[in-house]
Structures are given as C-alpha cells and as structure tokens.
Amino acid sequence: MPSGRLALSLALTVVLSSALGAYVTYKVLLRPERVIANYHRWYHRNAAATFNNTHWLGVPTQKSPLDTWIFQEIIHEVKPDVLIEAGTYKGGSSFYYASLMDLLQKGRILTVDIEDYPGKPPHPRIQFLLGSSTSAQIIDQLKAAIRPGESVMVTLDSDHHAAHVSAELDLYHSFVTPGSYLVVEDTHFNGHPILPNFGPGPYEAVEAFLKSHPEFERDRTREKFGMSFNPGGWLKRVR
C-alpha cells in the first residue's frame, strides 16, 4: 500500500476509534445507573471473593463496605442508645456496630436470629436473642430491654421475602425514634438489580410500607456512593 494511503488509513482508524470511545464514554456518563447495576451483578456473581469474603476484625459480615461506611456515618450522627438488628448470622455486623459504639462510648445492640451460629464474637454491648424476629416472644424481649426515653435505630436483614419483611416493618417501625433510621437491607433483590427471579422482596415491602407511613421517608443521600445493597431502603423517621 502506498505510504499516502497507509497514512490516511491509519488516520481514519484513529479518528473512528476516538469517536467510538467518545460515544461509549458519553453513553456511560448519561446512564451511570447501568454501570452501577452491572457492578451489582458482578459483585453478586463473584460472591465467594466479595461479600462472602468480607470481614470485620476477622468476623464475616456479608455487607458492602460502602454500606458499612454509611452505617458508621448514621451511628455517629444519631448516636442511638439501642440498635436493633434482625438477622445476626455470624455476628460480624453486630461486632462492627459495637466497635463503633465503643469509640462513641455509647450504645448497645439487640440482635435477633432464628439460628444460633457458633463462634459469634462476645462483646459487652451485644445481646444475642434467639428466635424469629416476628415472634411475640422476641418482640416482648425487645420491649423489655429498651428503657423509656432511649433513642432507637433498627436494621432488618433476616428473611428477605416481602411477606416477612412487611411483617417486620409492621412490628419494628414503632421502635424507631424520630430522627433515627429504619434500614431495610438487600432491597437490591428481585431485579433491583440482582436476582430478578427472586420474587417480591424487601424493595416491594418498603414500597407498600411507605404508602401508609408518612412519618418515614427514603433518605437517598445514604446512597451517595452509587453502589448500595439497600437502594431505597434507608428510611429516616422524620416525625
């Protein structure tokens, strides 16, 4: 090929490549939600290396580190006397919350699970309760453990099917004090954007709950990092 035609061909290739790159960048910047959704899916597909391999001081947490940072900010702002957690698992989240409360020198955790996993980390700020989060016995134990006038925050991370989450919302929302938070976790299930075939889950339960509970509002500022396991699930009690 003559040198002139080769130079022209190379120039056209550079121009077309640059144009394609600019177009792709433009589309990505226009639709960042696609990037976030794809990252969610990648994170979930690679669970063995990501959320199933995430620990706090050696204890499994099964949380996004971006969400744990948000929990840190909320706990610092609200400084709850009590944090109720439905869904203990192996105690990593409770241990993390307790560590933050140690730094603040305030607060304790009441955490509930239907299974008693071995090896949960003991901590003077953590009280482990064994039973269903929706059982009358557990609700009575929680009420007895909270003193009058204490500020309370709640996070729901147990059975993620909509019926169960709705039952938890009905039972636990009244524990939350004004200005504090009710966090419904894993609202990314059922195609929001992962596990599209899961069926109605936490997201749908939150949608139904908010229609009849104007005292709670979604706090979208808690999704400032883009990637959150709890899209639309950071609920603030505003009155």
C-alpha atoms as a PDB file:
ATOM      1  CA  MET A   1       0.000   0.000   0.000  1.00  0.00           C
ATOM      2  CA  PRO A   2       1.463   3.421  -0.904  1.00  0.00           C
ATOM      3  CA  SER A   3       2.589   5.417   2.078  1.00  0.00           C
ATOM      4  CA  GLY A   4      -0.052   8.104   1.488  1.00  0.00           C
ATOM      5  CA  ARG A   5      -2.911   5.613   1.531  1.00  0.00           C
ATOM      6  CA  LEU A   6      -1.443   3.885   4.598  1.00  0.00           C
ATOM      7  CA  ALA A   7      -1.216   7.176   6.448  1.00  0.00           C
ATOM      8  CA  LEU A   8      -4.810   8.007   5.502  1.00  0.00           C
ATOM      9  CA  SER A   9      -5.995   4.552   6.644  1.00  0.00           C
ATOM     10  CA  LEU A  10      -4.209   4.932   9.971  1.00  0.00           C
ATOM     11  CA  ALA A  11      -5.645   8.405  10.427  1.00  0.00           C
ATOM     12  CA  LEU A  12      -9.177   7.169   9.728  1.00  0.00           C
ATOM     13  CA  THR A  13      -8.686   4.314  12.199  1.00  0.00           C
ATOM     14  CA  VAL A  14      -7.564   6.743  14.900  1.00  0.00           C
ATOM     15  CA  VAL A  15     -10.488   9.069  14.217  1.00  0.00           C
ATOM     16  CA  LEU A  16     -13.038   6.238  14.256  1.00  0.00           C
ATOM     17  CA  SER A  17     -11.557   4.745  17.428  1.00  0.00           C
ATOM     18  CA  SER A  18     -11.602   8.125  19.134  1.00  0.00           C
ATOM     19  CA  ALA A  19     -15.192   8.714  18.029  1.00  0.00           C
ATOM     20  CA  LEU A  20     -16.270   5.285  19.278  1.00  0.00           C
ATOM     21  CA  GLY A  21     -14.511   5.855  22.615  1.00  0.00           C
ATOM     22  CA  ALA A  22     -16.142   9.246  22.981  1.00  0.00           C
ATOM     23  CA  TYR A  23     -19.565   7.766  22.175  1.00  0.00           C
ATOM     24  CA  VAL A  24     -19.167   4.966  24.716  1.00  0.00           C
ATOM     25  CA  THR A  25     -17.965   7.428  27.365  1.00  0.00           C
ATOM     26  CA  TYR A  26     -20.902   9.705  26.573  1.00  0.00           C
ATOM     27  CA  LYS A  27     -23.394   6.844  26.931  1.00  0.00           C
ATOM     28  CA  VAL A  28     -21.814   5.723  30.206  1.00  0.00           C
ATOM     29  CA  LEU A  29     -21.901   9.237  31.634  1.00  0.00           C
ATOM     30  CA  LEU A  30     -25.509   9.616  30.525  1.00  0.00           C
ATOM     31  CA  ARG A  31     -26.571   6.298  32.099  1.00  0.00           C
ATOM     32  CA  PRO A  32     -24.453   5.773  35.241  1.00  0.00           C
ATOM     33  CA  GLU A  33     -27.235   3.557  36.627  1.00  0.00           C
ATOM     34  CA  ARG A  34     -26.206   0.935  34.068  1.00  0.00           C
ATOM     35  CA  VAL A  35     -22.679   0.944  35.424  1.00  0.00           C
ATOM     36  CA  ILE A  36     -23.998   0.635  38.983  1.00  0.00           C
ATOM     37  CA  ALA A  37     -26.378  -2.187  38.031  1.00  0.00           C
ATOM     38  CA  ASN A  38     -23.633  -4.089  36.242  1.00  0.00           C
ATOM     39  CA  TYR A  39     -21.330  -3.653  39.207  1.00  0.00           C
ATOM     40  CA  HIS A  40     -24.066  -5.037  41.497  1.00  0.00           C
ATOM     41  CA  ARG A  41     -24.407  -8.080  39.257  1.00  0.00           C
ATOM     42  CA  TRP A  42     -20.656  -8.602  39.072  1.00  0.00           C
ATOM     43  CA  TYR A  43     -20.365  -8.283  42.859  1.00  0.00           C
ATOM     44  CA  HIS A  44     -23.109 -10.846  43.381  1.00  0.00           C
ATOM     45  CA  ARG A  45     -21.762 -13.304  40.762  1.00  0.00           C
ATOM     46  CA  ASN A  46     -18.395 -13.197  42.492  1.00  0.00           C
ATOM     47  CA  ALA A  47     -19.798 -13.711  45.979  1.00  0.00           C
ATOM     48  CA  ALA A  48     -17.000 -16.057  47.062  1.00  0.00           C
ATOM     49  CA  ALA A  49     -14.496 -13.246  46.598  1.00  0.00           C
ATOM     50  CA  THR A  50     -16.724 -10.315  47.561  1.00  0.00           C
ATOM     51  CA  PHE A  51     -19.497 -10.268  50.182  1.00  0.00           C
ATOM     52  CA  ASN A  52     -18.838 -13.817  51.387  1.00  0.00           C
ATOM     53  CA  ASN A  53     -15.216 -12.816  51.881  1.00  0.00           C
ATOM     54  CA  THR A  54     -15.777  -9.546  53.769  1.00  0.00           C
ATOM     55  CA  HIS A  55     -14.902  -9.432  57.459  1.00  0.00           C
ATOM     56  CA  TRP A  56     -14.766  -7.059  60.377  1.00  0.00           C
ATOM     57  CA  LEU A  57     -11.817  -7.937  62.612  1.00  0.00           C
ATOM     58  CA  GLY A  58     -11.949 -11.482  61.270  1.00  0.00           C
ATOM     59  CA  VAL A  59     -15.720 -11.989  61.613  1.00  0.00           C
ATOM     60  CA  PRO A  60     -17.852 -12.441  58.423  1.00  0.00           C
ATOM     61  CA  THR A  61     -20.175  -9.507  57.758  1.00  0.00           C
ATOM     62  CA  GLN A  62     -21.744 -10.170  54.306  1.00  0.00           C
ATOM     63  CA  LYS A  63     -22.095  -6.432  53.700  1.00  0.00           C
ATOM     64  CA  SER A  64     -20.850  -3.978  51.124  1.00  0.00           C
ATOM     65  CA  PRO A  65     -18.006  -1.914  52.630  1.00  0.00           C
ATOM     66  CA  LEU A  66     -19.689   1.162  51.142  1.00  0.00           C
ATOM     67  CA  ASP A  67     -22.806   0.418  53.195  1.00  0.00           C
ATOM     68  CA  THR A  68     -20.813  -0.185  56.370  1.00  0.00           C
ATOM     69  CA  TRP A  69     -19.308   3.281  55.925  1.00  0.00           C
ATOM     70  CA  ILE A  70     -22.826   4.724  55.670  1.00  0.00           C
ATOM     71  CA  PHE A  71     -23.835   2.867  58.835  1.00  0.00           C
ATOM     72  CA  GLN A  72     -20.828   4.469  60.533  1.00  0.00           C
ATOM     73  CA  GLU A  73     -21.973   7.921  59.469  1.00  0.00           C
ATOM     74  CA  ILE A  74     -25.542   7.321  60.654  1.00  0.00           C
ATOM     75  CA  ILE A  75     -24.470   5.889  64.008  1.00  0.00           C
ATOM     76  CA  HIS A  76     -22.177   8.868  64.563  1.00  0.00           C
ATOM     77  CA  GLU A  77     -24.943  11.331  63.664  1.00  0.00           C
ATOM     78  CA  VAL A  78     -27.806   9.657  65.523  1.00  0.00           C
ATOM     79  CA  LYS A  79     -25.813   8.156  68.404  1.00  0.00           C
ATOM     80  CA  PRO A  80     -28.555   5.635  69.196  1.00  0.00           C
ATOM     81  CA  ASP A  81     -28.833   4.214  72.672  1.00  0.00           C
ATOM     82  CA  VAL A  82     -30.073   0.973  71.106  1.00  0.00           C
ATOM     83  CA  LEU A  83     -29.594  -0.566  67.679  1.00  0.00           C
ATOM     84  CA  ILE A  84     -31.986  -3.449  66.949  1.00  0.00           C
ATOM     85  CA  GLU A  85     -30.759  -5.850  64.287  1.00  0.00           C
ATOM     86  CA  ALA A  86     -32.979  -8.541  62.761  1.00  0.00           C
ATOM     87  CA  GLY A  87     -30.629 -11.114  61.241  1.00  0.00           C
ATOM     88  CA  THR A  88     -27.487 -11.796  63.273  1.00  0.00           C
ATOM     89  CA  TYR A  89     -25.909 -14.510  61.087  1.00  0.00           C
ATOM     90  CA  LYS A  90     -22.357 -14.906  62.459  1.00  0.00           C
ATOM     91  CA  GLY A  91     -22.347 -11.620  64.320  1.00  0.00           C
ATOM     92  CA  GLY A  92     -19.985  -9.610  62.111  1.00  0.00           C
ATOM     93  CA  SER A  93     -22.338  -6.661  61.661  1.00  0.00           C
ATOM     94  CA  SER A  94     -23.183  -6.558  65.368  1.00  0.00           C
ATOM     95  CA  PHE A  95     -19.485  -6.657  66.203  1.00  0.00           C
ATOM     96  CA  TYR A  96     -18.852  -3.792  63.778  1.00  0.00           C
ATOM     97  CA  TYR A  97     -21.643  -1.676  65.294  1.00  0.00           C
ATOM     98  CA  ALA A  98     -20.348  -2.443  68.780  1.00  0.00           C
ATOM     99  CA  SER A  99     -16.849  -1.331  67.766  1.00  0.00           C
ATOM    100  CA  LEU A 100     -18.245   1.994  66.565  1.00  0.00           C
ATOM    101  CA  MET A 101     -20.197   2.391  69.779  1.00  0.00           C
ATOM    102  CA  ASP A 102     -17.015   1.730  71.745  1.00  0.00           C
ATOM    103  CA  LEU A 103     -15.472   4.733  70.008  1.00  0.00           C
ATOM    104  CA  LEU A 104     -18.547   6.838  70.799  1.00  0.00           C
ATOM    105  CA  GLN A 105     -18.700   5.397  74.330  1.00  0.00           C
ATOM    106  CA  LYS A 106     -22.441   4.979  73.908  1.00  0.00           C
ATOM    107  CA  GLY A 107     -24.965   2.413  72.693  1.00  0.00           C
ATOM    108  CA  ARG A 108     -25.761  -1.271  72.633  1.00  0.00           C
ATOM    109  CA  ILE A 109     -27.044  -3.815  70.111  1.00  0.00           C
ATOM    110  CA  LEU A 110     -30.012  -6.167  70.439  1.00  0.00           C
ATOM    111  CA  THR A 111     -29.618  -8.677  67.630  1.00  0.00           C
ATOM    112  CA  VAL A 112     -32.063 -11.424  66.664  1.00  0.00           C
ATOM    113  CA  ASP A 113     -31.720 -14.594  64.622  1.00  0.00           C
ATOM    114  CA  ILE A 114     -33.661 -17.813  64.274  1.00  0.00           C
ATOM    115  CA  GLU A 115     -30.386 -19.775  64.076  1.00  0.00           C
ATOM    116  CA  ASP A 116     -27.658 -19.891  66.691  1.00  0.00           C
ATOM    117  CA  TYR A 117     -24.471 -19.885  64.632  1.00  0.00           C
ATOM    118  CA  PRO A 118     -21.380 -20.917  66.620  1.00  0.00           C
ATOM    119  CA  GLY A 119     -18.416 -18.638  67.108  1.00  0.00           C
ATOM    120  CA  LYS A 120     -20.252 -15.338  67.353  1.00  0.00           C
ATOM    121  CA  PRO A 121     -17.975 -12.694  68.875  1.00  0.00           C
ATOM    122  CA  PRO A 122     -18.764 -11.869  72.508  1.00  0.00           C
ATOM    123  CA  HIS A 123     -18.956  -8.177  73.308  1.00  0.00           C
ATOM    124  CA  PRO A 124     -20.400  -6.364  76.324  1.00  0.00           C
ATOM    125  CA  ARG A 125     -22.502  -4.111  74.069  1.00  0.00           C
ATOM    126  CA  ILE A 126     -24.144  -7.021  72.190  1.00  0.00           C
ATOM    127  CA  GLN A 127     -27.132  -9.036  73.393  1.00  0.00           C
ATOM    128  CA  PHE A 128     -27.928 -12.042  71.195  1.00  0.00           C
ATOM    129  CA  LEU A 129     -31.592 -13.080  71.071  1.00  0.00           C
ATOM    130  CA  LEU A 130     -32.579 -16.459  69.621  1.00  0.00           C
ATOM    131  CA  GLY A 131     -35.928 -16.750  67.836  1.00  0.00           C
ATOM    132  CA  SER A 132     -37.966 -15.471  64.932  1.00  0.00           C
ATOM    133  CA  SER A 133     -37.801 -11.702  64.509  1.00  0.00           C
ATOM    134  CA  THR A 134     -41.591 -11.655  64.136  1.00  0.00           C
ATOM    135  CA  SER A 135     -42.455 -13.804  67.159  1.00  0.00           C
ATOM    136  CA  ALA A 136     -44.357 -12.290  70.068  1.00  0.00           C
ATOM    137  CA  GLN A 137     -41.714 -13.607  72.473  1.00  0.00           C
ATOM    138  CA  ILE A 138     -38.892 -11.742  70.710  1.00  0.00           C
ATOM    139  CA  ILE A 139     -40.908  -8.522  70.453  1.00  0.00           C
ATOM    140  CA  ASP A 140     -41.655  -8.711  74.167  1.00  0.00           C
ATOM    141  CA  GLN A 141     -37.959  -9.244  74.936  1.00  0.00           C
ATOM    142  CA  LEU A 142     -37.011  -6.223  72.838  1.00  0.00           C
ATOM    143  CA  LYS A 143     -39.611  -4.016  74.518  1.00  0.00           C
ATOM    144  CA  ALA A 144     -38.378  -5.110  77.947  1.00  0.00           C
ATOM    145  CA  ALA A 145     -34.754  -4.349  77.023  1.00  0.00           C
ATOM    146  CA  ILE A 146     -35.385  -0.744  75.929  1.00  0.00           C
ATOM    147  CA  ARG A 147     -35.644   1.853  78.647  1.00  0.00           C
ATOM    148  CA  PRO A 148     -38.038   4.833  78.445  1.00  0.00           C
ATOM    149  CA  GLY A 149     -36.587   7.778  76.565  1.00  0.00           C
ATOM    150  CA  GLU A 150     -33.857   5.828  74.777  1.00  0.00           C
ATOM    151  CA  SER A 151     -33.162   6.567  71.108  1.00  0.00           C
ATOM    152  CA  VAL A 152     -33.512   3.539  68.858  1.00  0.00           C
ATOM    153  CA  MET A 153     -32.340   2.586  65.378  1.00  0.00           C
ATOM    154  CA  VAL A 154     -33.435  -0.581  63.537  1.00  0.00           C
ATOM    155  CA  THR A 155     -31.940  -2.604  60.695  1.00  0.00           C
ATOM    156  CA  LEU A 156     -33.780  -5.509  59.041  1.00  0.00           C
ATOM    157  CA  ASP A 157     -31.555  -8.177  57.483  1.00  0.00           C
ATOM    158  CA  SER A 158     -33.246 -11.537  58.019  1.00  0.00           C
ATOM    159  CA  ASP A 159     -35.681 -13.382  55.704  1.00  0.00           C
ATOM    160  CA  HIS A 160     -35.858 -11.216  52.575  1.00  0.00           C
ATOM    161  CA  HIS A 161     -39.229 -12.334  51.190  1.00  0.00           C
ATOM    162  CA  ALA A 162     -41.742  -9.488  51.010  1.00  0.00           C
ATOM    163  CA  ALA A 163     -44.271 -11.056  53.381  1.00  0.00           C
ATOM    164  CA  HIS A 164     -41.694 -11.458  56.133  1.00  0.00           C
ATOM    165  CA  VAL A 165     -40.157  -8.018  55.635  1.00  0.00           C
ATOM    166  CA  SER A 166     -43.625  -6.462  55.703  1.00  0.00           C
ATOM    167  CA  ALA A 167     -44.366  -8.245  58.967  1.00  0.00           C
ATOM    168  CA  GLU A 168     -41.075  -6.942  60.410  1.00  0.00           C
ATOM    169  CA  LEU A 169     -41.864  -3.404  59.262  1.00  0.00           C
ATOM    170  CA  ASP A 170     -45.250  -3.564  60.980  1.00  0.00           C
ATOM    171  CA  LEU A 171     -43.648  -4.762  64.221  1.00  0.00           C
ATOM    172  CA  TYR A 172     -40.422  -2.765  64.305  1.00  0.00           C
ATOM    173  CA  HIS A 173     -41.204   0.672  62.893  1.00  0.00           C
ATOM    174  CA  SER A 174     -42.659   1.878  66.182  1.00  0.00           C
ATOM    175  CA  PHE A 175     -39.344   1.173  67.938  1.00  0.00           C
ATOM    176  CA  VAL A 176     -37.596   3.800  65.785  1.00  0.00           C
ATOM    177  CA  THR A 177     -37.371   7.219  67.434  1.00  0.00           C
ATOM    178  CA  PRO A 178     -37.821  10.463  65.445  1.00  0.00           C
ATOM    179  CA  GLY A 179     -34.627  11.489  63.676  1.00  0.00           C
ATOM    180  CA  SER A 180     -33.332   7.919  63.669  1.00  0.00           C
ATOM    181  CA  TYR A 181     -33.318   5.268  60.934  1.00  0.00           C
ATOM    182  CA  LEU A 182     -35.073   2.078  59.900  1.00  0.00           C
ATOM    183  CA  VAL A 183     -32.773   0.374  57.402  1.00  0.00           C
ATOM    184  CA  VAL A 184     -34.310  -2.313  55.193  1.00  0.00           C
ATOM    185  CA  GLU A 185     -31.395  -4.264  53.796  1.00  0.00           C
ATOM    186  CA  ASP A 186     -30.937  -6.061  50.481  1.00  0.00           C
ATOM    187  CA  THR A 187     -33.594  -4.116  48.611  1.00  0.00           C
ATOM    188  CA  HIS A 188     -31.481  -4.851  45.525  1.00  0.00           C
ATOM    189  CA  PHE A 189     -33.170  -8.290  45.301  1.00  0.00           C
ATOM    190  CA  ASN A 190     -35.848  -9.108  42.705  1.00  0.00           C
ATOM    191  CA  GLY A 191     -34.220  -7.239  39.843  1.00  0.00           C
ATOM    192  CA  HIS A 192     -33.234  -4.071  41.717  1.00  0.00           C
ATOM    193  CA  PRO A 193     -30.896  -5.038  40.067  1.00  0.00           C
ATOM    194  CA  ILE A 194     -29.860  -8.577  41.191  1.00  0.00           C
ATOM    195  CA  LEU A 195     -31.795 -11.872  41.461  1.00  0.00           C
ATOM    196  CA  PRO A 196     -34.568 -10.905  39.010  1.00  0.00           C
ATOM    197  CA  ASN A 197     -36.435 -14.158  39.681  1.00  0.00           C
ATOM    198  CA  PHE A 198     -36.418 -13.861  43.476  1.00  0.00           C
ATOM    199  CA  GLY A 199     -39.993 -12.606  43.637  1.00  0.00           C
ATOM    200  CA  PRO A 200     -41.303  -9.733  45.776  1.00  0.00           C
ATOM    201  CA  GLY A 201     -38.725  -8.879  48.404  1.00  0.00           C
ATOM    202  CA  PRO A 202     -37.537  -6.034  50.615  1.00  0.00           C
ATOM    203  CA  TYR A 203     -37.944  -3.358  47.931  1.00  0.00           C
ATOM    204  CA  GLU A 204     -41.604  -4.217  47.379  1.00  0.00           C
ATOM    205  CA  ALA A 205     -42.206  -4.387  51.143  1.00  0.00           C
ATOM    206  CA  VAL A 206     -40.757  -0.882  51.549  1.00  0.00           C
ATOM    207  CA  GLU A 207     -42.927   0.449  48.709  1.00  0.00           C
ATOM    208  CA  ALA A 208     -46.069  -0.830  50.421  1.00  0.00           C
ATOM    209  CA  PHE A 209     -44.956   0.346  53.870  1.00  0.00           C
ATOM    210  CA  LEU A 210     -44.252   3.938  52.853  1.00  0.00           C
ATOM    211  CA  LYS A 211     -47.745   4.379  51.404  1.00  0.00           C
ATOM    212  CA  SER A 212     -49.236   4.203  54.878  1.00  0.00           C
ATOM    213  CA  HIS A 213     -46.383   5.571  56.977  1.00  0.00           C
ATOM    214  CA  PRO A 214     -45.672   9.216  56.123  1.00  0.00           C
ATOM    215  CA  GLU A 215     -43.559   9.528  59.261  1.00  0.00           C
ATOM    216  CA  PHE A 216     -40.814   7.726  57.327  1.00  0.00           C
ATOM    217  CA  GLU A 217     -39.028   8.977  54.225  1.00  0.00           C
ATOM    218  CA  ARG A 218     -36.369   7.476  51.993  1.00  0.00           C
ATOM    219  CA  ASP A 219     -33.030   9.161  52.576  1.00  0.00           C
ATOM    220  CA  ARG A 220     -31.350   8.924  49.179  1.00  0.00           C
ATOM    221  CA  THR A 221     -28.304  10.808  50.462  1.00  0.00           C
ATOM    222  CA  ARG A 222     -27.288   7.487  52.047  1.00  0.00           C
ATOM    223  CA  GLU A 223     -26.762   6.109  48.542  1.00  0.00           C
ATOM    224  CA  LYS A 224     -24.132   8.722  47.707  1.00  0.00           C
ATOM    225  CA  PHE A 225     -21.538   6.118  46.714  1.00  0.00           C
ATOM    226  CA  GLY A 226     -23.836   4.741  43.988  1.00  0.00           C
ATOM    227  CA  MET A 227     -23.356   1.115  44.980  1.00  0.00           C
ATOM    228  CA  SER A 228     -25.583   0.123  47.911  1.00  0.00           C
ATOM    229  CA  PHE A 229     -27.172  -3.200  48.759  1.00  0.00           C
ATOM    230  CA  ASN A 230     -30.086  -1.157  50.148  1.00  0.00           C
ATOM    231  CA  PRO A 231     -31.381   1.109  47.351  1.00  0.00           C
ATOM    232  CA  GLY A 232     -34.460   2.915  48.627  1.00  0.00           C
ATOM    233  CA  GLY A 233     -34.101   1.111  51.948  1.00  0.00           C
ATOM    234  CA  TRP A 234     -32.502   3.827  54.080  1.00  0.00           C
ATOM    235  CA  LEU A 235     -35.627   5.104  55.840  1.00  0.00           C
ATOM    236  CA  LYS A 236     -35.470   8.082  58.160  1.00  0.00           C
ATOM    237  CA  ARG A 237     -38.174   8.764  60.702  1.00  0.00           C
ATOM    238  CA  VAL A 238     -38.892  12.436  60.179  1.00  0.00           C
ATOM    239  CA  ARG A 239     -41.678  12.813  62.749  1.00  0.00           C
END
